[in-house]
Amino acid sequence: MDSANWLVKSSGRILGPFTQAELSAKLKTRELSIHDEAAVPQAFWRPLCDEKKFEKIVNEVRQEVNSDTSITKTFSDEMTLTDEYHPISDDLTGEIDTKNLELTKEIIIENLKDETQIPPETTPQPVKSFGYQASDVASAGAQMLNKKMWLTVGTVAVLLLVLVLIQTLIIKPKSDHEKYDEYVSLGKDAIHLGLYKEALDNLSAAYEINSEGKDIYIFLAPLLVHLTSQSFLAEELLHSVESDGEPKIKKRAITALGTLGYKDGNKSLATIFYKKALDIDPNYTPALVNLGLLQSLRSNYRKSSKSFKRALKIDDEPEMIRFYYALSLVAQLKGEIVLNKLLQAQKHLRWVAKKGAFLAQESKLMLIYLSVLTNPKKYADKEVTSLLDMDPEQSNNHRYNLFINQNWVQWSSLVEYCNAIKLSVKKEHLKTTLDAFCSIKALKRDKASKLADKLAHQAPKDALAQAVVGYIKDNLNLESEARIAVKGAVKNNSKHKFSLPMILQARFCMREQNYECTLRESTLVLKNKPRNLMALSMLATTHFHDGEFDKAGQLLRDGLRVSTEYSPLLMLKKQMQEAE
């Protein structure tokens, strides 16, 4: 059965639908051109002359055209203008409702131009895909398709807009919130482990994400006070905590404000803040220690002694309290030696040095100074050699109370005692070694560098001197030179007389994760110094990585008996707990 489903593009309009018979008749009467495009629903537009269904009528039309020269000329001109090229159209036709086919029978083809004449307008007419129909039904179908198309486009656009809004307003803030929490968690963990630079980096990153997160102020501010020069930001954060915080937090903020005032040279303001913190909690150790320090600097030794003794009874930070108290007593001996004060200072310093943990090397330095002070004619070469053979990073690797002023434990404050001791050293290369060591510890990098170069030529075979050179070079970020110096020190220390060459070599091995080398060097250190924290922690770490958890656990416990505040041991303890 011949269905009425053919549409035709002709002279800029879409005509139809037609049955195949009707379309053939219109071709025969020249109402339509064999070069007009036609298509059934959901098919591509094609010229009628290319449709096989109309091949017979097309051939008949062509024969009639060839018999008439005038008509031939007309077609030739038409081809030149419009039909030189007939690509297949990209668009598809719509569906035709065959139930309403009877309505299409009355389609009138208006203004149909004779195909044998050249159109008066040479500019091609725009083709409106179903924009103009010769029937109301076809037009309605086209409009419905158009509406569906725009509805689809609109829906896609709305969905894209929603996705953008979700990404901008919901997902991104959530991501920032997660990052903030992660940085805060890492920062607090780092403080707990005594990794203060790492803590500062993480908490600073959290602050950049959310500067209104007051929960981190009390952690970030003291780090800024101790490790940076960002006094303004630290002060702003601390005042915010002071005004809003609970008493436990407020006393810490006020104490940190006192230390900030001290750093800025305002000792009077610092004293006010420390006393204000003690008004909140009379037994708050950091405020007591800091106040005792200020009182000592102002030569108010009686009040200073009272503050330190009171802090010692609380005993929260025994090494630092004892060390500060000893320094306060030593300061009183510069004018004249008072035996009672001398003995008290030696007592506290020996306690810290014997413990062999935090501030052990610094206490050893002060004990040598007191020995030189009381007996200036005695050479201190042996004591200085013992001092230099200690782990130079031991105190740096300890965690401490961030609210206690660290100024007096800095080597920049202790270097004057190095200079006094140097006068009692007999061997010239040992003097240079002590001077170079104290310089690098006091962050006098240029001086330390020059002295290290001098020492490399002055004592090339001295294992201890070369080890100190290696330590200085490493601190100057000259790792290649440092390794060469340490390698020479290890070679010249074949009988393992000194521990420092092996300590430094073990650190280089651990840095490379060369556990076999770390195990060898750390074991040699422990033979010389059974309580050495670095050796205990490195051996424990090596056994842990080798899966020997029992050995690692035993060494960890041995180390924690020496110090519960040694950062490498705390880090290993955390790793072992996470691995359980």
Protein backbone atom coordinates (compact mmCIF):
# COMPACT_ATOMS: atom_id res chain seq x y z
CA MET A 1 0.00 0.00 0.00
CA ASP A 2 1.32 3.45 -0.98
CA SER A 3 1.61 5.50 2.22
CA ALA A 4 1.57 9.30 2.13
CA ASN A 5 4.92 9.95 3.80
CA TRP A 6 7.14 11.91 1.39
CA LEU A 7 8.20 15.51 2.18
CA VAL A 8 9.92 17.73 -0.40
CA LYS A 9 12.22 20.76 -0.12
CA SER A 10 11.46 23.06 -3.02
CA SER A 11 12.21 26.79 -3.52
CA GLY A 12 12.95 27.31 0.14
CA ARG A 13 9.80 25.59 1.40
CA ILE A 14 8.95 22.10 2.68
CA LEU A 15 5.94 20.58 0.93
CA GLY A 16 3.87 17.48 1.52
CA PRO A 17 3.34 14.91 2.67
CA PHE A 18 2.83 13.10 -0.65
CA THR A 19 2.37 9.52 -1.68
CA GLN A 20 4.90 8.10 -4.08
CA ALA A 21 2.30 8.27 -6.87
CA GLU A 22 1.46 11.89 -6.12
CA LEU A 23 5.12 12.82 -6.08
CA SER A 24 5.69 11.07 -9.42
CA ALA A 25 2.77 12.96 -10.93
CA LYS A 26 4.12 16.31 -9.74
CA LEU A 27 7.52 15.47 -11.27
CA LYS A 28 5.83 14.59 -14.54
CA THR A 29 3.90 17.89 -14.62
CA ARG A 30 7.05 19.82 -13.61
CA GLU A 31 5.43 21.12 -10.42
CA LEU A 32 8.52 19.72 -8.70
CA SER A 33 12.08 19.40 -10.02
CA ILE A 34 13.96 16.15 -10.15
CA HIS A 35 16.70 18.06 -8.27
CA ASP A 36 14.44 18.93 -5.32
CA GLU A 37 15.28 17.07 -2.11
CA ALA A 38 12.84 14.58 -0.60
CA ALA A 39 12.74 12.31 2.41
CA VAL A 40 10.50 10.01 4.39
CA PRO A 41 10.22 10.59 8.20
CA GLN A 42 13.42 9.98 10.21
CA ALA A 43 15.58 9.78 7.05
CA PHE A 44 18.16 12.03 5.39
CA TRP A 45 17.19 14.48 2.66
CA ARG A 46 18.25 13.28 -0.83
CA PRO A 47 17.70 14.70 -4.38
CA LEU A 48 14.76 13.00 -6.09
CA CYS A 49 17.00 12.15 -9.03
CA ASP A 50 19.06 9.95 -6.64
CA GLU A 51 16.07 8.04 -5.23
CA LYS A 52 15.69 4.62 -6.90
CA LYS A 53 11.93 4.64 -6.29
CA PHE A 54 11.62 7.55 -8.71
CA GLU A 55 14.25 6.35 -11.20
CA LYS A 56 11.67 5.63 -13.92
CA ILE A 57 9.88 8.99 -13.78
CA VAL A 58 13.23 10.85 -13.48
CA ASN A 59 14.47 9.20 -16.70
CA GLU A 60 11.24 10.12 -18.47
CA VAL A 61 11.56 13.74 -17.39
CA ARG A 62 15.18 13.86 -18.54
CA GLN A 63 14.22 12.48 -21.97
CA GLU A 64 11.56 15.11 -22.36
CA VAL A 65 14.01 17.81 -21.35
CA ASN A 66 16.63 16.62 -23.86
CA SER A 67 14.06 16.90 -26.69
CA ASP A 68 13.54 20.59 -26.10
CA THR A 69 16.62 22.86 -26.55
CA SER A 70 15.06 25.83 -24.87
CA ILE A 71 14.24 23.76 -21.88
CA THR A 72 17.75 22.31 -21.96
CA LYS A 73 19.20 25.79 -21.76
CA THR A 74 16.93 26.64 -18.87
CA PHE A 75 18.04 23.59 -16.93
CA SER A 76 21.65 24.31 -17.70
CA ASP A 77 21.36 27.78 -16.22
CA GLU A 78 19.54 26.43 -13.18
CA MET A 79 22.30 23.91 -12.54
CA THR A 80 24.88 26.64 -12.65
CA LEU A 81 23.08 28.64 -10.00
CA THR A 82 21.82 26.08 -7.57
CA ASP A 83 22.47 22.46 -8.40
CA GLU A 84 26.15 22.30 -9.11
CA TYR A 85 26.58 20.38 -5.87
CA HIS A 86 24.04 18.21 -4.00
CA PRO A 87 25.35 17.07 -0.64
CA ILE A 88 23.25 14.83 1.52
CA SER A 89 21.56 16.98 4.20
CA ASP A 90 22.59 16.35 7.81
CA ASP A 91 19.13 16.86 9.31
CA LEU A 92 16.49 14.17 9.63
CA THR A 93 12.78 14.57 8.95
CA GLY A 94 10.23 14.25 11.74
CA GLU A 95 7.44 11.73 12.20
CA ILE A 96 4.15 12.07 10.26
CA ASP A 97 0.87 11.12 11.93
CA THR A 98 -0.63 8.77 9.33
CA LYS A 99 -3.96 8.74 11.15
CA ASN A 100 -4.51 12.34 10.09
CA LEU A 101 -3.42 11.71 6.54
CA GLU A 102 -6.80 12.72 5.12
CA LEU A 103 -6.21 16.23 6.37
CA THR A 104 -3.08 16.53 4.24
CA LYS A 105 -5.02 15.82 1.05
CA GLU A 106 -6.14 19.44 0.99
CA ILE A 107 -2.62 20.87 1.02
CA ILE A 108 -2.43 23.66 -1.55
CA ILE A 109 0.92 24.39 -3.10
CA GLU A 110 0.92 28.16 -3.21
CA ASN A 111 3.25 30.32 -5.29
CA LEU A 112 5.00 27.29 -6.79
CA LYS A 113 7.41 28.56 -9.42
CA ASP A 114 7.98 26.79 -12.67
CA GLU A 115 11.18 24.80 -12.34
CA THR A 116 12.03 25.62 -15.96
CA GLN A 117 12.53 29.30 -15.11
CA ILE A 118 15.47 30.92 -13.38
CA PRO A 119 14.34 32.39 -10.03
CA PRO A 120 14.42 36.20 -10.00
CA GLU A 121 16.47 36.20 -6.77
CA THR A 122 19.94 34.80 -7.11
CA THR A 123 20.47 34.70 -3.31
CA PRO A 124 19.46 31.24 -2.01
CA GLN A 125 16.46 31.27 0.33
CA PRO A 126 17.13 30.06 3.90
CA VAL A 127 15.82 26.56 4.47
CA LYS A 128 13.55 26.44 7.49
CA SER A 129 13.53 22.90 8.84
CA PHE A 130 9.82 22.47 9.61
CA GLY A 131 9.67 26.20 10.31
CA TYR A 132 7.14 26.55 7.48
CA GLN A 133 4.79 23.73 6.50
CA ALA A 134 2.11 23.44 3.90
CA SER A 135 -0.13 21.64 6.39
CA ASP A 136 -1.25 22.47 9.92
CA VAL A 137 -0.59 18.93 11.10
CA ALA A 138 2.99 18.85 9.79
CA SER A 139 3.56 22.33 11.18
CA ALA A 140 2.31 21.24 14.60
CA GLY A 141 4.61 18.24 14.49
CA ALA A 142 7.57 20.44 13.64
CA GLN A 143 6.75 22.85 16.44
CA MET A 144 6.46 19.97 18.90
CA LEU A 145 9.88 18.65 17.85
CA ASN A 146 11.32 22.16 18.17
CA LYS A 147 9.87 22.48 21.67
CA LYS A 148 11.35 19.11 22.67
CA MET A 149 14.73 20.13 21.33
CA TRP A 150 14.76 23.40 23.29
CA LEU A 151 13.45 21.63 26.39
CA THR A 152 16.36 19.19 26.16
CA VAL A 153 18.88 22.00 25.68
CA GLY A 154 17.38 23.92 28.58
CA THR A 155 17.46 20.86 30.84
CA VAL A 156 21.13 20.20 30.05
CA ALA A 157 21.99 23.86 30.71
CA VAL A 158 20.17 23.78 34.06
CA LEU A 159 21.97 20.58 35.05
CA LEU A 160 25.35 22.09 34.18
CA LEU A 161 24.52 25.20 36.21
CA VAL A 162 23.50 23.05 39.19
CA LEU A 163 26.77 21.09 38.95
CA VAL A 164 28.78 24.32 38.90
CA LEU A 165 26.88 25.66 41.91
CA ILE A 166 27.40 22.40 43.83
CA GLN A 167 31.12 22.47 43.04
CA THR A 168 31.41 26.14 44.04
CA LEU A 169 29.12 26.37 47.05
CA ILE A 170 29.07 22.86 48.54
CA ILE A 171 31.92 20.63 47.41
CA LYS A 172 34.72 23.22 47.60
CA PRO A 173 33.91 24.44 51.14
CA LYS A 174 33.67 20.83 52.24
CA SER A 175 37.05 20.14 50.70
CA ASP A 176 38.54 23.18 52.47
CA HIS A 177 36.96 22.05 55.73
CA GLU A 178 38.53 18.62 55.34
CA LYS A 179 41.88 20.17 54.56
CA TYR A 180 41.59 22.43 57.59
CA ASP A 181 40.84 19.49 59.90
CA GLU A 182 43.70 17.51 58.40
CA TYR A 183 46.22 20.32 58.88
CA VAL A 184 45.04 20.92 62.46
CA SER A 185 45.33 17.22 63.27
CA LEU A 186 48.81 17.01 61.76
CA GLY A 187 49.87 20.17 63.58
CA LYS A 188 48.71 18.95 66.97
CA ASP A 189 50.33 15.55 66.41
CA ALA A 190 53.59 17.27 65.50
CA ILE A 191 53.47 19.33 68.72
CA HIS A 192 52.91 16.17 70.71
CA LEU A 193 55.94 14.61 69.03
CA GLY A 194 58.11 17.69 69.53
CA LEU A 195 58.33 18.42 65.80
CA TYR A 196 57.74 22.13 66.14
CA LYS A 197 58.72 23.32 62.66
CA GLU A 198 56.42 20.73 61.13
CA ALA A 199 53.68 21.80 63.54
CA LEU A 200 54.15 25.43 62.52
CA ASP A 201 53.87 24.56 58.82
CA ASN A 202 50.65 22.58 59.25
CA LEU A 203 48.92 25.01 61.61
CA SER A 204 49.90 27.94 59.40
CA ALA A 205 48.33 26.13 56.44
CA ALA A 206 45.16 25.59 58.48
CA TYR A 207 45.10 29.29 59.39
CA GLU A 208 45.37 30.26 55.73
CA ILE A 209 42.29 28.18 54.97
CA ASN A 210 40.26 29.48 57.91
CA SER A 211 41.67 32.40 59.89
CA GLU A 212 38.51 32.43 62.03
CA GLY A 213 39.21 28.97 63.47
CA LYS A 214 40.04 30.06 67.02
CA ASP A 215 40.58 26.49 68.15
CA ILE A 216 44.11 26.60 66.69
CA TYR A 217 45.15 30.01 68.01
CA ILE A 218 46.56 28.73 71.29
CA PHE A 219 48.70 26.19 69.40
CA LEU A 220 49.82 28.38 66.52
CA ALA A 221 50.63 31.53 68.52
CA PRO A 222 53.41 30.10 70.77
CA LEU A 223 55.03 28.52 67.71
CA LEU A 224 55.04 31.92 66.05
CA VAL A 225 56.58 33.40 69.21
CA HIS A 226 59.40 30.85 69.43
CA LEU A 227 60.15 30.09 65.78
CA THR A 228 59.33 33.23 63.80
CA SER A 229 59.39 36.99 63.92
CA GLN A 230 55.64 37.33 63.28
CA SER A 231 55.03 39.20 66.53
CA PHE A 232 51.98 41.11 65.29
CA LEU A 233 50.05 38.00 64.23
CA ALA A 234 51.05 36.13 67.38
CA GLU A 235 49.89 39.02 69.55
CA GLU A 236 46.58 39.28 67.68
CA LEU A 237 45.86 35.57 68.14
CA LEU A 238 46.83 35.56 71.81
CA HIS A 239 44.68 38.58 72.66
CA SER A 240 41.75 36.88 70.95
CA VAL A 241 42.24 33.78 73.11
CA GLU A 242 42.78 35.89 76.23
CA SER A 243 39.44 37.64 75.81
CA ASP A 244 37.39 34.58 74.89
CA GLY A 245 39.16 31.57 76.37
CA GLU A 246 38.44 29.57 79.49
CA PRO A 247 40.87 29.98 82.43
CA LYS A 248 43.01 26.98 81.45
CA ILE A 249 43.53 28.39 77.95
CA LYS A 250 43.61 32.01 79.06
CA LYS A 251 46.59 31.52 81.40
CA ARG A 252 48.58 30.00 78.52
CA ALA A 253 47.73 32.87 76.22
CA ILE A 254 48.71 35.46 78.85
CA THR A 255 51.99 33.64 79.53
CA ALA A 256 52.78 33.58 75.81
CA LEU A 257 52.03 37.31 75.64
CA GLY A 258 54.60 37.80 78.40
CA THR A 259 57.23 35.90 76.41
CA LEU A 260 56.34 37.94 73.34
CA GLY A 261 56.90 41.11 75.36
CA TYR A 262 60.23 39.73 76.53
CA LYS A 263 61.30 39.04 72.94
CA ASP A 264 60.33 42.57 71.99
CA GLY A 265 62.53 43.92 74.81
CA ASN A 266 59.68 44.97 77.08
CA LYS A 267 60.59 43.17 80.32
CA SER A 268 58.17 45.24 82.41
CA LEU A 269 55.23 44.21 80.22
CA ALA A 270 56.43 40.60 80.32
CA THR A 271 56.47 40.67 84.12
CA ILE A 272 52.91 42.02 84.20
CA PHE A 273 51.65 39.24 81.97
CA TYR A 274 53.44 36.49 83.93
CA LYS A 275 51.98 37.75 87.20
CA LYS A 276 48.55 37.99 85.59
CA ALA A 277 48.79 34.33 84.54
CA LEU A 278 49.78 33.39 88.11
CA ASP A 279 46.72 35.24 89.38
CA ILE A 280 44.64 32.73 87.40
CA ASP A 281 46.73 29.72 88.52
CA PRO A 282 49.41 30.30 91.22
CA ASN A 283 51.00 26.92 90.41
CA TYR A 284 51.32 27.37 86.65
CA THR A 285 54.91 26.24 86.05
CA PRO A 286 55.69 28.11 82.79
CA ALA A 287 54.66 31.44 84.33
CA LEU A 288 56.72 30.72 87.46
CA VAL A 289 59.84 29.76 85.46
CA ASN A 290 59.51 32.75 83.13
CA LEU A 291 59.00 35.12 86.06
CA GLY A 292 62.05 33.66 87.83
CA LEU A 293 64.10 34.24 84.66
CA LEU A 294 63.08 37.89 84.48
CA GLN A 295 63.74 38.41 88.17
CA SER A 296 67.20 36.95 87.72
CA LEU A 297 67.94 39.22 84.75
CA ARG A 298 66.98 42.18 86.91
CA SER A 299 69.36 40.93 89.63
CA ASN A 300 66.45 40.29 91.96
CA TYR A 301 67.95 36.95 92.94
CA ARG A 302 65.98 36.46 96.11
CA LYS A 303 62.65 36.59 94.30
CA SER A 304 64.12 34.60 91.44
CA SER A 305 65.24 31.81 93.77
CA LYS A 306 61.79 31.77 95.36
CA SER A 307 60.06 31.40 91.96
CA PHE A 308 62.34 28.55 90.82
CA LYS A 309 62.06 26.65 94.10
CA ARG A 310 58.29 26.92 93.93
CA ALA A 311 58.35 25.61 90.35
CA LEU A 312 60.59 22.70 91.35
CA LYS A 313 58.06 21.57 93.93
CA ILE A 314 55.50 21.26 91.14
CA ASP A 315 58.18 19.51 89.03
CA ASP A 316 56.43 19.63 85.64
CA GLU A 317 59.59 20.40 83.67
CA PRO A 318 62.47 19.25 85.94
CA GLU A 319 65.35 19.57 83.42
CA MET A 320 64.44 23.04 82.25
CA ILE A 321 63.57 24.31 85.73
CA ARG A 322 66.81 22.99 87.20
CA PHE A 323 68.84 24.35 84.31
CA TYR A 324 67.26 27.80 84.57
CA TYR A 325 67.64 27.84 88.32
CA ALA A 326 71.32 26.87 87.94
CA LEU A 327 71.86 29.67 85.42
CA SER A 328 70.28 32.11 87.82
CA LEU A 329 72.70 30.96 90.53
CA VAL A 330 75.68 31.12 88.13
CA ALA A 331 74.78 34.71 87.28
CA GLN A 332 75.23 35.56 90.96
CA LEU A 333 78.80 34.16 90.93
CA LYS A 334 80.17 36.59 88.35
CA GLY A 335 80.95 39.23 90.94
CA GLU A 336 82.24 36.93 93.63
CA ILE A 337 82.13 33.22 94.26
CA VAL A 338 79.60 32.34 96.92
CA LEU A 339 80.16 28.73 97.90
CA ASN A 340 76.56 28.01 98.77
CA LYS A 341 75.28 29.24 95.43
CA LEU A 342 78.09 27.46 93.57
CA LEU A 343 77.23 24.14 95.20
CA GLN A 344 73.51 24.58 94.47
CA ALA A 345 74.21 25.36 90.81
CA GLN A 346 76.50 22.31 90.46
CA LYS A 347 73.88 20.12 92.11
CA HIS A 348 71.17 21.01 89.62
CA LEU A 349 73.49 20.86 86.60
CA ARG A 350 74.84 17.44 87.57
CA TRP A 351 71.31 16.15 87.96
CA VAL A 352 70.44 17.20 84.39
CA ALA A 353 73.76 15.99 82.92
CA LYS A 354 73.52 12.62 84.66
CA LYS A 355 70.01 12.06 83.37
CA GLY A 356 71.60 12.25 79.92
CA ALA A 357 68.55 13.63 78.12
CA PHE A 358 67.22 17.15 77.54
CA LEU A 359 69.85 19.90 78.13
CA ALA A 360 72.50 17.31 79.12
CA GLN A 361 75.18 18.82 76.85
CA GLU A 362 74.28 22.36 77.88
CA SER A 363 74.54 21.35 81.55
CA LYS A 364 77.91 19.75 80.85
CA LEU A 365 79.09 23.06 79.34
CA MET A 366 78.03 24.96 82.46
CA LEU A 367 79.73 22.46 84.76
CA ILE A 368 83.00 22.94 82.85
CA TYR A 369 82.55 26.69 83.18
CA LEU A 370 82.10 26.41 86.97
CA SER A 371 85.18 24.21 87.14
CA VAL A 372 87.21 26.78 85.21
CA LEU A 373 85.75 29.58 87.31
CA THR A 374 86.85 27.98 90.58
CA ASN A 375 90.19 26.66 89.27
CA PRO A 376 91.39 28.82 86.36
CA LYS A 377 94.89 27.27 86.29
CA LYS A 378 93.56 23.81 85.55
CA TYR A 379 93.38 22.80 81.89
CA ALA A 380 89.95 21.73 80.71
CA ASP A 381 91.01 19.69 77.65
CA LYS A 382 89.63 16.40 78.96
CA GLU A 383 86.27 17.89 79.95
CA VAL A 384 85.97 19.76 76.63
CA THR A 385 86.73 16.57 74.68
CA SER A 386 83.95 14.81 76.61
CA LEU A 387 81.58 17.69 75.87
CA LEU A 388 82.27 17.62 72.13
CA ASP A 389 81.83 13.83 71.96
CA MET A 390 78.17 14.10 72.97
CA ASP A 391 75.25 14.03 70.52
CA PRO A 392 74.95 17.68 69.42
CA GLU A 393 71.29 17.25 68.40
CA GLN A 394 70.02 15.59 71.56
CA SER A 395 68.35 18.65 73.09
CA ASN A 396 66.97 19.76 69.71
CA ASN A 397 65.28 16.37 69.39
CA HIS A 398 63.33 16.77 72.62
CA ARG A 399 59.86 18.18 73.02
CA TYR A 400 59.40 20.83 75.70
CA ASN A 401 56.76 23.16 77.09
CA LEU A 402 56.10 25.82 74.45
CA PHE A 403 54.96 28.32 77.06
CA ILE A 404 58.34 28.42 78.81
CA ASN A 405 60.68 31.09 77.50
CA GLN A 406 63.43 29.28 75.59
CA ASN A 407 65.85 32.18 75.46
CA TRP A 408 68.24 30.96 78.14
CA VAL A 409 68.61 27.49 76.63
CA GLN A 410 69.68 28.90 73.29
CA TRP A 411 73.38 28.60 72.55
CA SER A 412 73.41 32.25 71.56
CA SER A 413 73.01 32.90 75.30
CA LEU A 414 75.58 30.25 76.25
CA VAL A 415 78.37 31.20 73.85
CA GLU A 416 79.93 33.55 76.43
CA TYR A 417 80.63 30.52 78.61
CA CYS A 418 82.33 28.81 75.64
CA ASN A 419 84.65 31.79 75.32
CA ALA A 420 85.57 31.62 79.00
CA ILE A 421 86.26 27.87 78.81
CA LYS A 422 88.40 28.26 75.68
CA LEU A 423 90.96 30.19 77.71
CA SER A 424 91.61 27.06 79.76
CA VAL A 425 92.12 24.71 76.79
CA LYS A 426 95.75 23.83 76.09
CA LYS A 427 95.64 22.19 72.62
CA GLU A 428 95.19 24.72 69.84
CA HIS A 429 93.18 22.46 67.56
CA LEU A 430 90.86 21.65 70.50
CA LYS A 431 90.36 25.37 71.08
CA THR A 432 89.45 25.77 67.42
CA THR A 433 87.14 22.75 67.63
CA LEU A 434 85.31 24.16 70.67
CA ASP A 435 85.04 27.60 69.11
CA ALA A 436 83.72 26.18 65.83
CA PHE A 437 81.21 23.97 67.63
CA CYS A 438 79.85 26.76 69.83
CA SER A 439 79.64 29.07 66.81
CA ILE A 440 77.49 26.73 64.75
CA LYS A 441 75.27 26.01 67.75
CA ALA A 442 74.84 29.78 68.25
CA LEU A 443 73.95 30.08 64.54
CA LYS A 444 77.07 32.11 63.75
CA ARG A 445 77.33 30.40 60.40
CA ASP A 446 80.06 32.48 58.75
CA LYS A 447 82.38 32.16 61.70
CA ALA A 448 81.66 28.44 62.03
CA SER A 449 82.37 27.91 58.32
CA LYS A 450 85.76 29.63 58.50
CA LEU A 451 86.75 27.75 61.64
CA ALA A 452 85.70 24.43 60.08
CA ASP A 453 87.91 25.07 57.04
CA LYS A 454 90.75 26.00 59.37
CA LEU A 455 90.21 22.86 61.44
CA ALA A 456 90.21 20.63 58.37
CA HIS A 457 93.83 21.62 57.78
CA GLN A 458 94.80 22.07 61.41
CA ALA A 459 93.85 18.53 62.54
CA PRO A 460 93.17 16.35 59.47
CA LYS A 461 93.82 13.11 61.39
CA ASP A 462 91.91 13.98 64.57
CA ALA A 463 88.70 11.95 64.46
CA LEU A 464 86.78 14.19 66.88
CA ALA A 465 87.82 17.42 65.14
CA GLN A 466 86.88 16.04 61.72
CA ALA A 467 83.55 14.83 63.06
CA VAL A 468 82.81 18.38 64.28
CA VAL A 469 83.78 19.65 60.81
CA GLY A 470 81.29 17.19 59.32
CA TYR A 471 78.58 18.35 61.72
CA ILE A 472 79.19 22.00 60.80
CA LYS A 473 79.20 21.30 57.06
CA ASP A 474 75.94 19.39 57.37
CA ASN A 475 74.35 22.33 59.20
CA LEU A 476 75.57 24.59 56.41
CA ASN A 477 73.74 22.33 53.91
CA LEU A 478 77.03 21.15 52.43
CA GLU A 479 76.16 17.48 52.61
CA SER A 480 78.83 16.21 50.23
CA GLU A 481 81.60 17.92 52.21
CA ALA A 482 79.98 16.76 55.42
CA ARG A 483 80.01 13.13 54.31
CA ILE A 484 83.65 13.34 53.31
CA ALA A 485 84.61 14.78 56.71
CA VAL A 486 82.57 12.19 58.62
CA LYS A 487 83.95 9.37 56.50
CA GLY A 488 87.48 10.55 57.37
CA ALA A 489 86.53 10.80 61.04
CA VAL A 490 85.19 7.22 61.03
CA LYS A 491 88.37 6.00 59.35
CA ASN A 492 90.56 7.72 61.92
CA ASN A 493 88.38 6.36 64.72
CA SER A 494 89.12 2.72 63.98
CA LYS A 495 89.39 1.86 67.69
CA HIS A 496 86.05 3.56 68.38
CA LYS A 497 87.51 5.92 70.94
CA PHE A 498 85.01 8.65 70.09
CA SER A 499 81.25 8.32 69.68
CA LEU A 500 80.56 11.44 67.60
CA PRO A 501 81.93 10.03 64.28
CA MET A 502 79.68 6.98 64.65
CA ILE A 503 76.69 9.09 65.72
CA LEU A 504 76.97 11.27 62.62
CA GLN A 505 77.58 8.29 60.33
CA ALA A 506 74.51 6.53 61.74
CA ARG A 507 72.43 9.61 60.97
CA PHE A 508 73.64 9.68 57.38
CA CYS A 509 72.80 5.97 57.05
CA MET A 510 69.31 6.45 58.48
CA ARG A 511 68.76 9.38 56.14
CA GLU A 512 69.42 6.99 53.24
CA GLN A 513 67.34 4.25 54.92
CA ASN A 514 70.44 2.08 54.90
CA TYR A 515 69.39 0.02 57.90
CA GLU A 516 72.37 -2.32 57.79
CA CYS A 517 74.76 0.61 58.16
CA THR A 518 72.50 2.23 60.79
CA LEU A 519 72.48 -0.98 62.81
CA ARG A 520 76.27 -1.29 62.68
CA GLU A 521 77.07 2.28 63.68
CA SER A 522 74.36 2.52 66.36
CA THR A 523 75.55 -0.71 67.95
CA LEU A 524 79.07 0.71 68.18
CA VAL A 525 77.73 3.88 69.82
CA LEU A 526 75.87 1.85 72.45
CA LYS A 527 79.08 0.02 73.37
CA ASN A 528 80.58 3.38 74.29
CA LYS A 529 77.43 4.96 75.71
CA PRO A 530 74.72 2.45 76.72
CA ARG A 531 72.17 5.21 77.44
CA ASN A 532 72.64 7.14 74.20
CA LEU A 533 69.16 8.09 73.03
CA MET A 534 70.04 8.39 69.36
CA ALA A 535 71.54 4.90 69.24
CA LEU A 536 68.63 3.35 71.14
CA SER A 537 66.04 4.99 68.91
CA MET A 538 67.86 4.13 65.68
CA LEU A 539 68.38 0.51 66.67
CA ALA A 540 64.73 0.23 67.66
CA THR A 541 63.66 1.80 64.36
CA THR A 542 65.90 -0.53 62.36
CA HIS A 543 64.51 -3.65 64.07
CA PHE A 544 60.96 -2.34 63.58
CA HIS A 545 61.51 -1.96 59.82
CA ASP A 546 63.02 -5.47 59.72
CA GLY A 547 59.86 -6.85 61.35
CA GLU A 548 61.63 -7.69 64.62
CA PHE A 549 58.97 -6.11 66.80
CA ASP A 550 60.04 -7.67 70.11
CA LYS A 551 63.59 -6.28 69.80
CA ALA A 552 62.24 -2.93 68.69
CA GLY A 553 59.83 -2.83 71.62
CA GLN A 554 62.56 -3.63 74.15
CA LEU A 555 64.88 -0.94 72.80
CA LEU A 556 61.98 1.53 72.77
CA ARG A 557 61.30 0.86 76.44
CA ASP A 558 65.01 1.23 77.25
CA GLY A 559 65.05 4.59 75.53
CA LEU A 560 61.88 5.84 77.23
CA ARG A 561 63.43 5.03 80.61
CA VAL A 562 66.14 7.56 79.73
CA SER A 563 63.70 10.15 78.40
CA THR A 564 59.96 10.20 77.79
CA GLU A 565 60.32 13.39 75.76
CA TYR A 566 62.76 12.29 73.03
CA SER A 567 61.00 12.92 69.71
CA PRO A 568 62.43 10.00 67.65
CA LEU A 569 61.28 7.57 70.34
CA LEU A 570 57.84 9.16 70.46
CA MET A 571 57.55 8.89 66.69
CA LEU A 572 58.55 5.23 66.76
CA LYS A 573 56.10 4.54 69.58
CA LYS A 574 53.31 6.03 67.48
CA GLN A 575 54.32 3.94 64.45
CA MET A 576 54.38 0.74 66.49
CA GLN A 577 50.96 1.49 67.98
CA GLU A 578 49.53 2.09 64.52
CA ALA A 579 51.05 -1.17 63.28
CA GLU A 580 49.43 -3.28 66.01
